Amino acid sequence: MKCIKKCLAVVLTVVTCFALSISFGCGEGKSEGHLDGKYNLEIAVQNENGEIKMMEIWKEAYEEKHPEVNIIINNFGNDDIVGYMQKKAMNQNSLPHLVWLPDDFGHTFTDPTKGYFIDLREMYEKSADTDYSLYYESMLHAASNVGEFRPTTSYSGSFSGEKSDDAKYGIYFAPRDYNQIAIVYNKKAFNDLKTFYGFDIANYYNPESPETWNMEKFALLIKDLNDQIKSMGPTYASYKAIRMNMTWEAVYTTFVDALGGDGLINDGEINLGSQKNRAVYDYLWSNFFNEPNKFDINDNFSKGTTYLTIVSRPLLLSYLPYLRDKNSGKIMMDFIPFPAERVAAGTSGYGITKKHANETQTANGVTKTNKEIAWDFLKFILSEEGQNLGGKEGFIQPILKSLKDTGEWRNAFDPAMNHDAWFNGDELRLTTYNYFDASMRTALRAQTSAFFINLTNVENGAPANRDNLIATYTANLEAVKKGAIL
C-alpha cells in the first residue's frame, strides 16, 4: 500500500492542476488601474493563460458596449483559489468585486455564514434574461454551498438574502460553463495503427451509429489496444492505452454510477465497501487497471505516447501545441462520448464579494451599487454573445442550453470534429460530499482520490489486496469525518 501522505501529496497536485487548471505565476498580477469618471470593476481569476485570455476577450467586448465601465483583471498569482481566499480572509477590504470560483474547492468560501459572497438568486430572478430554465440545472445546484439551489419563489416569503433560513440553498457564484467529461483520442496515433497494423478505432466507436457504443465496447477497445501495443515490440514499451484521470470527481462518479455502484458516500455514511461498489472496482481493475500498458499514470497524452484520455473540454487547449500536423496544420485529435446514460460535468464561475456589494460608484452622473455593476457584466458573460465569444475560442462549453446544437463552440478547433461527444446522456449531479460542511470536503475528496490512485495500481488494486485497500480508506474517511487532518 502506498504511503498515505505521499498519496495525498500526489492527489492534491493532480486535483489542483487538473480540476482547477492552475498555472503558477510570480505573485498577484494586475492588468491596469482605476480610471476616473468610470465604474471600475475589479475581478480576480486563476493565473492560467486561457482563463486570463478569455476574461480579456469578455472585457474588450463588454467595454465596447459599455464605455462607462473599466474592468480591471487581477490574477491569483502563485495561489490557487484556497490560498488566494485565505490571504484575503483577514482583511476582506482587499477583495475585488468579483472572484473566480470552481465548483469544488471554491465552496470552502461560499458558506453563507462566513459572508464572503452574496446570494445571486435575487439577481437571477429579476429578469427573464437570466431565468433558471436557460441553464443546466446541475450547474446551478453546483453553485449552492450544499449542492442544491432552490428558487426563492419555491417557498413562502420574499427574498431576504443571507439572513434567510434558506440562504444555504442560494447561488453563490454564477456558473459560466458546462464541462461534461468525454474521451479524446489521438487521431495521428490511431491513423498509424490502421495504416501499419490494421487496427481501426471505427470498429469500436462509429459516430454514425453512436447507439452501439457502450461500456463493453469501451472495455474491449482498451483490451485490444493494449494487446496491439504489446505486439509492437520494445519500441512501444512506454506507450499506454488511456489516461483516465480517475482522481477527478466527475470521472469516478460517472464510472461508479454507470457500472451499477450505489454511491461512495451516502448521506454522510462511508459506503466504499458495499457489494455493488466492489463489483464496480472489480470491473474497473479487470478491464482497465490489470496490466501496466493499459493505464497511463503520467499524463503523456500530449506527448503522443498515450492513445486516449478522459477530460473536460477546456483541457483541450493544452493539447493544441502538440497534436497538430506540422504540414497541414490540422489538429490531430477527435472526441468520443463517455459511454454512460448519465454523465457528470464540472463548472466554474464568478462570485460577487459581499464586502463591496452595496458600496456605490458614480459615472456620468448615475450612481450604482457594485453588485449592480458586477451583475450586469455577469449577465453579459451568461448571454449568447458572451458564451459564443468564449466558446468559439475553445475556452468553454456553453452553460446556455440553447447553444448546445448551434453555438460557436462547435466551430472551435475544427467544425468537423465530433462535438456531439461533449453532450451525452442525462445530467449526473456531483453530490458525494454535499452532506458535509464545505471546510471538510477538501480532505474527504483527497482521501477518495487517493483510494482511486491505489485502485488503479496493478498491485494495490488487485482482488487479493482490495479488502485492505477498502478498509484503509474507509478508516481514513471516517477519521476525516471526526475532524482528523490526515
Protein backbone atom coordinates (compact mmCIF):
# COMPACT_ATOMS: atom_id res chain seq x y z
CA MET A 1 0.00 0.00 0.00
CA LYS A 2 1.34 3.44 -0.86
CA CYS A 3 2.19 5.85 1.92
CA ILE A 4 -0.91 7.89 2.68
CA LYS A 5 0.93 11.22 2.95
CA LYS A 6 2.62 10.57 -0.36
CA CYS A 7 -0.75 9.74 -1.91
CA LEU A 8 -2.26 12.92 -0.63
CA ALA A 9 0.61 15.00 -1.95
CA VAL A 10 0.11 13.44 -5.38
CA VAL A 11 -3.65 13.83 -5.18
CA LEU A 12 -3.53 17.47 -4.25
CA THR A 13 -1.09 18.13 -7.09
CA VAL A 14 -3.27 16.27 -9.61
CA VAL A 15 -6.51 17.82 -8.42
CA THR A 16 -5.08 21.32 -8.39
CA CYS A 17 -3.51 21.04 -11.84
CA PHE A 18 -6.35 19.12 -13.46
CA ALA A 19 -9.60 20.21 -11.87
CA LEU A 20 -8.57 23.81 -11.33
CA SER A 21 -6.10 24.08 -14.20
CA ILE A 22 -3.90 26.39 -12.16
CA SER A 23 -0.67 27.67 -13.70
CA PHE A 24 1.59 29.41 -11.21
CA GLY A 25 2.80 32.93 -11.82
CA CYS A 26 5.04 35.36 -9.97
CA GLY A 27 2.75 36.99 -7.44
CA GLU A 28 -0.65 38.58 -7.79
CA GLY A 29 -0.92 40.30 -11.17
CA LYS A 30 -2.91 43.33 -12.30
CA SER A 31 -3.70 44.42 -15.83
CA GLU A 32 -4.36 48.12 -15.21
CA GLY A 33 -5.61 50.52 -12.58
CA HIS A 34 -8.68 52.56 -11.83
CA LEU A 35 -9.89 55.23 -14.25
CA ASP A 36 -11.56 58.39 -13.04
CA GLY A 37 -15.11 59.03 -14.23
CA LYS A 38 -15.86 55.34 -14.87
CA TYR A 39 -17.31 52.43 -12.98
CA ASN A 40 -14.23 50.44 -12.00
CA LEU A 41 -14.99 46.71 -11.74
CA GLU A 42 -12.23 44.55 -10.27
CA ILE A 43 -12.16 40.80 -10.90
CA ALA A 44 -9.67 38.16 -9.74
CA VAL A 45 -9.19 34.97 -11.78
CA GLN A 46 -6.90 31.97 -11.62
CA ASN A 47 -3.44 32.58 -13.03
CA GLU A 48 -3.89 30.40 -16.11
CA ASN A 49 -3.26 31.69 -19.62
CA GLY A 50 -6.58 30.54 -21.07
CA GLU A 51 -8.58 31.94 -18.17
CA ILE A 52 -6.90 35.33 -18.41
CA LYS A 53 -7.22 35.48 -22.20
CA MET A 54 -10.92 34.59 -22.03
CA MET A 55 -11.55 37.31 -19.46
CA GLU A 56 -9.69 39.81 -21.64
CA ILE A 57 -11.96 38.91 -24.57
CA TRP A 58 -15.06 39.45 -22.43
CA LYS A 59 -13.60 42.69 -21.05
CA GLU A 60 -12.95 44.12 -24.52
CA ALA A 61 -16.39 43.20 -25.86
CA TYR A 62 -18.23 44.46 -22.79
CA GLU A 63 -16.33 47.75 -22.55
CA GLU A 64 -17.04 48.42 -26.21
CA LYS A 65 -20.76 48.25 -25.40
CA HIS A 66 -20.34 49.98 -22.04
CA PRO A 67 -17.60 52.65 -22.33
CA GLU A 68 -18.53 53.90 -18.87
CA VAL A 69 -17.12 50.67 -17.34
CA ASN A 70 -13.45 49.89 -16.72
CA ILE A 71 -12.81 46.20 -15.95
CA ILE A 72 -9.61 45.51 -14.00
CA ILE A 73 -8.37 41.92 -14.28
CA ASN A 74 -6.22 40.63 -11.43
CA ASN A 75 -4.99 37.05 -11.00
CA PHE A 76 -4.25 34.76 -8.08
CA GLY A 77 -0.51 34.86 -8.69
CA ASN A 78 1.19 31.89 -7.02
CA ASP A 79 -2.00 30.74 -5.29
CA ASP A 80 -4.93 28.54 -6.09
CA ILE A 81 -8.41 29.65 -5.00
CA VAL A 82 -7.89 28.34 -1.47
CA GLY A 83 -4.60 30.13 -0.96
CA TYR A 84 -5.89 33.32 -2.54
CA MET A 85 -9.01 33.49 -0.38
CA GLN A 86 -7.16 32.56 2.79
CA LYS A 87 -4.87 35.54 2.27
CA LYS A 88 -7.89 37.80 1.83
CA ALA A 89 -9.88 36.40 4.74
CA MET A 90 -8.18 38.54 7.39
CA ASN A 91 -8.87 41.76 5.53
CA GLN A 92 -11.82 41.50 3.17
CA ASN A 93 -11.31 45.10 2.12
CA SER A 94 -8.62 43.77 -0.22
CA LEU A 95 -11.09 41.52 -2.05
CA PRO A 96 -12.10 42.60 -5.57
CA HIS A 97 -15.72 42.88 -6.66
CA LEU A 98 -15.74 39.52 -8.47
CA VAL A 99 -13.76 36.32 -7.83
CA TRP A 100 -13.44 33.20 -9.98
CA LEU A 101 -14.75 30.15 -8.09
CA PRO A 102 -14.66 26.43 -9.00
CA ASP A 103 -17.45 24.05 -8.07
CA ASP A 104 -15.35 22.02 -5.61
CA PHE A 105 -12.71 23.90 -3.62
CA GLY A 106 -14.49 27.21 -4.03
CA HIS A 107 -17.24 26.10 -1.65
CA THR A 108 -14.87 26.49 1.29
CA PHE A 109 -15.69 30.19 0.95
CA THR A 110 -19.33 30.22 -0.21
CA ASP A 111 -20.80 29.22 3.17
CA PRO A 112 -23.39 31.97 3.76
CA THR A 113 -22.48 32.13 7.46
CA LYS A 114 -18.96 33.24 6.51
CA GLY A 115 -20.23 36.08 4.37
CA TYR A 116 -17.64 36.25 1.60
CA PHE A 117 -20.09 36.17 -1.34
CA ILE A 118 -23.67 37.29 -1.87
CA ASP A 119 -26.56 35.04 -2.80
CA LEU A 120 -27.25 35.67 -6.50
CA ARG A 121 -30.81 34.34 -6.65
CA GLU A 122 -32.24 37.81 -6.26
CA MET A 123 -30.24 38.88 -9.32
CA TYR A 124 -31.16 35.85 -11.42
CA GLU A 125 -34.85 36.28 -10.65
CA LYS A 126 -35.06 39.93 -11.66
CA SER A 127 -35.09 39.25 -15.40
CA ALA A 128 -36.30 36.65 -17.88
CA ASP A 129 -32.85 37.02 -19.48
CA THR A 130 -31.42 35.01 -16.59
CA ASP A 131 -34.29 32.64 -15.92
CA TYR A 132 -33.05 29.43 -14.30
CA SER A 133 -34.56 27.32 -17.09
CA LEU A 134 -31.97 28.68 -19.54
CA TYR A 135 -29.12 26.85 -17.80
CA TYR A 136 -28.18 23.28 -16.94
CA GLU A 137 -29.79 22.61 -13.60
CA SER A 138 -26.90 20.52 -12.29
CA MET A 139 -24.61 23.51 -12.65
CA LEU A 140 -26.94 25.78 -10.65
CA HIS A 141 -27.04 23.12 -7.94
CA ALA A 142 -23.23 23.06 -8.02
CA ALA A 143 -23.17 26.78 -7.25
CA SER A 144 -25.00 26.26 -3.96
CA ASN A 145 -22.91 25.62 -0.88
CA VAL A 146 -24.95 22.49 -0.05
CA GLY A 147 -25.21 21.27 -3.64
CA GLU A 148 -28.87 22.17 -4.01
CA PHE A 149 -30.28 25.52 -5.05
CA ARG A 150 -33.93 26.46 -4.55
CA PRO A 151 -35.53 29.45 -6.28
CA THR A 152 -36.83 31.97 -3.77
CA THR A 153 -40.25 31.52 -5.38
CA SER A 154 -40.30 27.85 -4.31
CA TYR A 155 -41.01 28.67 -0.66
CA SER A 156 -43.22 31.17 1.14
CA GLY A 157 -41.95 34.63 1.93
CA SER A 158 -39.96 37.16 -0.02
CA PHE A 159 -36.24 37.08 -0.65
CA SER A 160 -34.34 38.06 2.47
CA GLY A 161 -30.76 37.41 1.49
CA GLU A 162 -28.18 35.69 3.63
CA LYS A 163 -30.27 36.06 6.80
CA SER A 164 -32.93 33.74 5.41
CA ASP A 165 -33.11 30.16 6.69
CA ASP A 166 -32.96 29.25 3.04
CA ALA A 167 -29.65 31.01 2.47
CA LYS A 168 -27.92 27.64 2.27
CA TYR A 169 -29.89 26.98 -0.93
CA GLY A 170 -28.59 30.16 -2.53
CA ILE A 171 -26.43 30.52 -5.63
CA TYR A 172 -23.07 31.93 -4.55
CA PHE A 173 -21.37 32.11 -7.92
CA ALA A 174 -22.73 32.37 -11.45
CA PRO A 175 -21.73 29.20 -13.38
CA ARG A 176 -20.27 30.21 -16.73
CA ASP A 177 -19.70 26.77 -18.37
CA TYR A 178 -20.91 23.17 -18.54
CA ASN A 179 -17.85 20.96 -18.73
CA GLN A 180 -19.00 17.41 -19.25
CA ILE A 181 -16.36 14.70 -19.46
CA ALA A 182 -15.66 12.88 -22.73
CA ILE A 183 -12.95 10.74 -24.30
CA VAL A 184 -10.35 12.36 -26.54
CA TYR A 185 -8.21 10.31 -28.89
CA ASN A 186 -5.01 10.96 -30.83
CA LYS A 187 -6.01 10.72 -34.50
CA LYS A 188 -2.47 10.52 -35.81
CA ALA A 189 -1.61 7.65 -33.48
CA PHE A 190 -4.73 5.74 -34.49
CA ASN A 191 -4.18 6.51 -38.18
CA ASP A 192 -0.72 4.96 -37.85
CA LEU A 193 -2.20 1.89 -36.17
CA LYS A 194 -4.67 1.49 -39.00
CA THR A 195 -2.05 2.02 -41.72
CA PHE A 196 0.60 -0.33 -40.35
CA TYR A 197 -1.38 -2.84 -38.29
CA GLY A 198 -4.98 -2.67 -39.49
CA PHE A 199 -6.25 -1.56 -36.08
CA ASP A 200 -9.32 0.62 -36.71
CA ILE A 201 -10.99 2.60 -33.93
CA ALA A 202 -14.16 2.69 -36.04
CA ASN A 203 -14.64 -0.99 -35.21
CA TYR A 204 -15.37 0.09 -31.65
CA TYR A 205 -16.84 3.57 -31.93
CA ASN A 206 -18.50 4.97 -35.03
CA PRO A 207 -20.11 8.42 -34.76
CA GLU A 208 -22.55 7.39 -37.49
CA SER A 209 -24.01 4.75 -35.16
CA PRO A 210 -23.45 6.07 -31.62
CA GLU A 211 -26.14 3.78 -30.22
CA THR A 212 -23.72 0.85 -30.50
CA TRP A 213 -21.20 2.50 -28.17
CA ASN A 214 -21.36 1.26 -24.58
CA MET A 215 -19.14 0.36 -21.64
CA GLU A 216 -18.48 -3.13 -23.01
CA LYS A 217 -17.25 -1.71 -26.33
CA PHE A 218 -15.09 0.75 -24.42
CA ALA A 219 -13.54 -2.02 -22.32
CA LEU A 220 -12.98 -4.11 -25.46
CA LEU A 221 -11.25 -1.18 -27.17
CA ILE A 222 -8.83 -0.83 -24.25
CA LYS A 223 -8.16 -4.59 -24.13
CA ASP A 224 -7.49 -4.86 -27.85
CA LEU A 225 -5.46 -1.66 -27.90
CA ASN A 226 -3.34 -2.96 -25.04
CA ASP A 227 -2.77 -6.24 -26.91
CA GLN A 228 -1.81 -4.26 -30.01
CA ILE A 229 0.73 -2.17 -28.06
CA LYS A 230 2.33 -5.29 -26.59
CA SER A 231 2.61 -6.88 -30.02
CA MET A 232 4.55 -3.95 -31.50
CA GLY A 233 7.76 -4.69 -29.64
CA PRO A 234 10.12 -2.82 -27.29
CA THR A 235 9.96 0.45 -29.23
CA TYR A 236 6.43 0.87 -27.89
CA ALA A 237 7.14 -0.30 -24.34
CA SER A 238 6.35 3.15 -22.91
CA TYR A 239 3.06 3.52 -24.82
CA LYS A 240 -0.22 3.37 -22.91
CA ALA A 241 -3.81 2.84 -23.98
CA ILE A 242 -5.55 5.52 -21.92
CA ARG A 243 -5.18 8.28 -19.35
CA MET A 244 -8.42 8.14 -17.32
CA ASN A 245 -7.95 10.86 -14.68
CA MET A 246 -9.62 8.67 -12.08
CA THR A 247 -8.78 11.09 -9.26
CA TRP A 248 -11.25 13.63 -10.66
CA GLU A 249 -14.68 13.56 -9.06
CA ALA A 250 -16.59 13.84 -12.33
CA VAL A 251 -14.78 10.77 -13.70
CA TYR A 252 -15.04 8.37 -10.78
CA THR A 253 -18.61 9.45 -10.02
CA THR A 254 -19.66 8.72 -13.60
CA PHE A 255 -17.92 5.34 -13.66
CA VAL A 256 -19.46 4.26 -10.34
CA ASP A 257 -22.92 5.32 -11.47
CA ALA A 258 -22.63 3.75 -14.94
CA LEU A 259 -21.35 0.42 -13.57
CA GLY A 260 -24.15 0.00 -11.03
CA GLY A 261 -22.49 1.30 -7.87
CA ASP A 262 -24.59 2.66 -5.02
CA GLY A 263 -22.61 5.72 -4.01
CA LEU A 264 -19.20 6.10 -2.36
CA ILE A 265 -20.60 8.23 0.48
CA ASN A 266 -24.35 8.34 1.10
CA ASP A 267 -25.83 10.96 3.45
CA GLY A 268 -22.60 11.07 5.39
CA GLU A 269 -22.19 7.30 5.62
CA ILE A 270 -19.00 5.87 4.10
CA ASN A 271 -20.01 3.26 1.55
CA LEU A 272 -16.76 2.29 -0.20
CA GLY A 273 -17.14 -1.39 0.70
CA SER A 274 -20.70 -2.10 -0.44
CA GLN A 275 -21.19 -5.17 -2.63
CA LYS A 276 -22.32 -3.07 -5.58
CA ASN A 277 -19.29 -0.81 -5.32
CA ARG A 278 -16.99 -3.82 -5.02
CA ALA A 279 -18.40 -5.07 -8.31
CA VAL A 280 -17.54 -1.68 -9.85
CA TYR A 281 -13.94 -1.87 -8.62
CA ASP A 282 -13.61 -5.41 -9.96
CA TYR A 283 -14.87 -4.33 -13.40
CA LEU A 284 -12.52 -1.35 -13.50
CA TRP A 285 -9.48 -3.35 -12.43
CA SER A 286 -10.21 -6.28 -14.74
CA ASN A 287 -10.80 -4.10 -17.79
CA PHE A 288 -8.60 -1.04 -17.29
CA PHE A 289 -6.04 -1.40 -14.49
CA ASN A 290 -4.83 -5.01 -14.50
CA GLU A 291 -1.97 -4.51 -16.96
CA PRO A 292 0.58 -1.67 -16.91
CA ASN A 293 0.26 -0.76 -20.61
CA LYS A 294 -3.45 -0.13 -20.30
CA PHE A 295 -3.28 2.80 -17.94
CA ASP A 296 -1.20 5.99 -18.10
CA ILE A 297 -0.30 7.44 -14.71
CA ASN A 298 1.96 10.20 -16.06
CA ASP A 299 -0.42 12.14 -18.33
CA ASN A 300 1.51 11.55 -21.55
CA PHE A 301 -1.40 12.08 -23.93
CA SER A 302 0.06 15.33 -25.27
CA LYS A 303 3.38 13.56 -25.91
CA GLY A 304 1.72 11.15 -28.33
CA THR A 305 2.53 8.01 -26.33
CA THR A 306 -0.97 7.62 -24.85
CA TYR A 307 -3.77 6.96 -27.29
CA LEU A 308 -6.83 8.21 -25.38
CA THR A 309 -7.67 10.38 -22.39
CA ILE A 310 -10.75 11.33 -20.39
CA VAL A 311 -11.02 15.08 -19.76
CA SER A 312 -13.37 18.04 -19.81
CA ARG A 313 -13.35 20.32 -22.82
CA PRO A 314 -11.21 23.24 -21.50
CA LEU A 315 -8.25 20.85 -21.17
CA LEU A 316 -8.12 20.56 -24.97
CA LEU A 317 -6.35 23.90 -25.22
CA SER A 318 -3.28 22.43 -23.56
CA TYR A 319 -3.04 19.73 -26.27
CA LEU A 320 -3.12 22.05 -29.30
CA PRO A 321 0.63 22.80 -29.44
CA TYR A 322 1.41 19.07 -29.54
CA LEU A 323 -1.40 17.46 -31.52
CA ARG A 324 -1.22 19.50 -34.69
CA ASP A 325 0.07 18.19 -38.02
CA LYS A 326 3.25 20.09 -38.92
CA ASN A 327 2.48 20.10 -42.64
CA SER A 328 -1.25 20.70 -42.87
CA GLY A 329 -1.79 22.44 -39.53
CA LYS A 330 -4.75 20.16 -38.89
CA ILE A 331 -5.49 19.27 -35.28
CA MET A 332 -4.95 15.54 -34.84
CA MET A 333 -7.48 14.67 -32.18
CA ASP A 334 -11.17 13.90 -32.00
CA PHE A 335 -13.82 13.08 -29.45
CA ILE A 336 -15.83 10.08 -28.24
CA PRO A 337 -18.75 10.40 -25.78
CA PHE A 338 -18.39 8.82 -22.37
CA PRO A 339 -20.34 5.52 -22.65
CA ALA A 340 -22.94 6.12 -19.95
CA GLU A 341 -26.59 7.09 -19.70
CA ARG A 342 -25.74 9.78 -17.16
CA VAL A 343 -22.54 11.81 -17.37
CA ALA A 344 -21.14 14.29 -14.84
CA ALA A 345 -19.92 17.77 -15.62
CA GLY A 346 -17.93 20.36 -13.72
CA THR A 347 -18.26 24.12 -13.74
CA SER A 348 -16.72 27.33 -12.51
CA GLY A 349 -17.91 30.89 -12.43
CA TYR A 350 -17.77 34.21 -10.62
CA GLY A 351 -18.98 35.27 -7.20
CA ILE A 352 -19.78 38.84 -6.14
CA THR A 353 -17.99 39.65 -2.90
CA LYS A 354 -20.26 40.69 -0.08
CA LYS A 355 -17.80 43.17 1.41
CA HIS A 356 -18.12 45.59 -1.50
CA ALA A 357 -21.54 44.62 -2.92
CA ASN A 358 -23.54 47.56 -1.62
CA GLU A 359 -20.84 50.20 -1.99
CA THR A 360 -21.59 52.70 -4.75
CA GLN A 361 -19.83 54.28 -7.69
CA THR A 362 -20.92 57.16 -9.90
CA ALA A 363 -20.26 57.59 -13.62
CA ASN A 364 -21.90 60.07 -15.98
CA GLY A 365 -23.98 61.29 -13.06
CA VAL A 366 -25.52 57.86 -12.42
CA THR A 367 -24.87 56.10 -9.11
CA LYS A 368 -24.90 52.30 -8.95
CA THR A 369 -24.00 49.69 -6.38
CA ASN A 370 -21.03 47.44 -7.07
CA LYS A 371 -23.29 44.40 -7.20
CA GLU A 372 -25.38 46.07 -9.94
CA ILE A 373 -22.23 46.83 -11.93
CA ALA A 374 -20.85 43.33 -11.40
CA TRP A 375 -24.11 41.56 -12.21
CA ASP A 376 -24.52 43.42 -15.48
CA PHE A 377 -21.10 42.14 -16.55
CA LEU A 378 -22.01 38.61 -15.42
CA LYS A 379 -25.22 38.82 -17.44
CA PHE A 380 -23.10 39.58 -20.49
CA ILE A 381 -20.87 36.55 -19.83
CA LEU A 382 -24.00 34.38 -19.48
CA SER A 383 -25.65 35.80 -22.61
CA GLU A 384 -25.49 34.15 -26.03
CA GLU A 385 -22.96 36.74 -27.16
CA GLY A 386 -20.71 36.19 -24.17
CA GLN A 387 -21.00 32.41 -24.33
CA ASN A 388 -20.25 32.39 -28.03
CA LEU A 389 -17.18 34.59 -27.53
CA GLY A 390 -15.76 32.10 -25.04
CA GLY A 391 -16.95 29.05 -26.94
CA LYS A 392 -15.51 29.82 -30.36
CA GLU A 393 -12.05 30.23 -28.85
CA GLY A 394 -12.37 26.81 -27.22
CA PHE A 395 -12.37 28.13 -23.67
CA ILE A 396 -15.81 26.98 -22.56
CA GLN A 397 -18.60 24.57 -23.26
CA PRO A 398 -21.70 26.78 -23.00
CA ILE A 399 -23.84 26.96 -19.89
CA LEU A 400 -26.82 28.00 -22.06
CA LYS A 401 -28.85 25.01 -23.18
CA SER A 402 -29.92 26.92 -26.29
CA LEU A 403 -26.35 26.78 -27.64
CA LYS A 404 -25.99 23.01 -27.41
CA ASP A 405 -26.58 22.45 -31.13
CA THR A 406 -25.90 25.87 -32.67
CA GLY A 407 -23.31 27.71 -30.58
CA GLU A 408 -19.96 28.97 -31.82
CA TRP A 409 -18.25 26.43 -29.54
CA ARG A 410 -18.89 23.89 -32.31
CA ASN A 411 -16.52 25.80 -34.57
CA ALA A 412 -13.65 25.71 -32.11
CA PHE A 413 -10.58 23.69 -33.13
CA ASP A 414 -12.28 22.12 -36.18
CA PRO A 415 -16.02 22.15 -37.08
CA ALA A 416 -15.66 18.62 -38.48
CA MET A 417 -14.79 17.19 -35.08
CA ASN A 418 -17.35 15.13 -33.18
CA HIS A 419 -18.52 17.95 -30.91
CA ASP A 420 -21.67 15.99 -30.05
CA ALA A 421 -19.48 13.86 -27.79
CA TRP A 422 -19.45 16.63 -25.19
CA PHE A 423 -23.19 16.43 -24.66
CA ASN A 424 -24.06 12.82 -23.99
CA GLY A 425 -26.69 11.30 -21.76
CA ASP A 426 -28.56 12.93 -18.90
CA GLU A 427 -27.07 15.26 -16.31
CA LEU A 428 -25.39 13.47 -13.40
CA ARG A 429 -25.08 15.68 -10.34
CA LEU A 430 -21.99 15.54 -8.16
CA THR A 431 -23.44 15.06 -4.68
CA THR A 432 -20.95 12.79 -2.86
CA TYR A 433 -19.68 15.42 -0.42
CA ASN A 434 -22.68 17.72 -0.07
CA TYR A 435 -23.72 16.27 3.29
CA PHE A 436 -20.57 17.65 4.91
CA ASP A 437 -19.52 21.16 5.80
CA ALA A 438 -17.51 22.68 2.97
CA SER A 439 -14.44 23.03 5.18
CA MET A 440 -14.28 19.22 5.43
CA ARG A 441 -14.83 18.40 1.76
CA THR A 442 -11.28 19.00 0.54
CA ALA A 443 -9.88 16.38 2.93
CA LEU A 444 -12.65 13.93 2.01
CA ARG A 445 -12.01 14.43 -1.69
CA ALA A 446 -8.30 13.90 -1.15
CA GLN A 447 -8.91 10.55 0.57
CA THR A 448 -11.31 9.36 -2.12
CA SER A 449 -8.86 10.39 -4.83
CA ALA A 450 -6.05 8.56 -3.02
CA PHE A 451 -8.28 5.49 -2.91
CA PHE A 452 -8.65 5.58 -6.69
CA ILE A 453 -4.92 6.16 -7.17
CA ASN A 454 -4.36 2.87 -5.36
CA LEU A 455 -7.23 1.15 -7.16
CA THR A 456 -5.60 1.98 -10.50
CA ASN A 457 -2.32 0.44 -9.35
CA VAL A 458 -1.82 -3.05 -10.82
CA GLU A 459 -0.73 -4.43 -7.46
CA ASN A 460 -2.65 -2.36 -4.91
CA GLY A 461 -5.93 -2.58 -6.78
CA ALA A 462 -5.74 -6.35 -7.36
CA PRO A 463 -8.50 -8.51 -5.86
CA ALA A 464 -6.12 -10.01 -3.29
CA ASN A 465 -5.36 -6.57 -1.85
CA ARG A 466 -8.70 -4.90 -2.29
CA ASP A 467 -10.17 -5.68 1.14
CA ASN A 468 -7.18 -3.99 2.74
CA LEU A 469 -7.48 -1.06 0.35
CA ILE A 470 -11.17 -0.55 1.12
CA ALA A 471 -10.61 -0.92 4.86
CA THR A 472 -7.75 1.60 4.86
CA TYR A 473 -9.64 4.34 3.05
CA THR A 474 -12.90 3.68 4.84
CA ALA A 475 -10.99 4.26 8.08
CA ASN A 476 -9.35 7.39 6.64
CA LEU A 477 -12.68 8.83 5.56
CA GLU A 478 -14.22 8.06 8.95
CA ALA A 479 -11.27 9.80 10.61
CA VAL A 480 -11.81 12.91 8.46
CA LYS A 481 -15.48 12.89 9.47
CA LYS A 482 -14.35 13.03 13.09
CA GLY A 483 -12.12 16.00 12.42
CA ALA A 484 -8.78 14.36 11.75
CA ILE A 485 -6.39 16.00 9.30
CA LEU A 486 -4.53 13.20 7.54
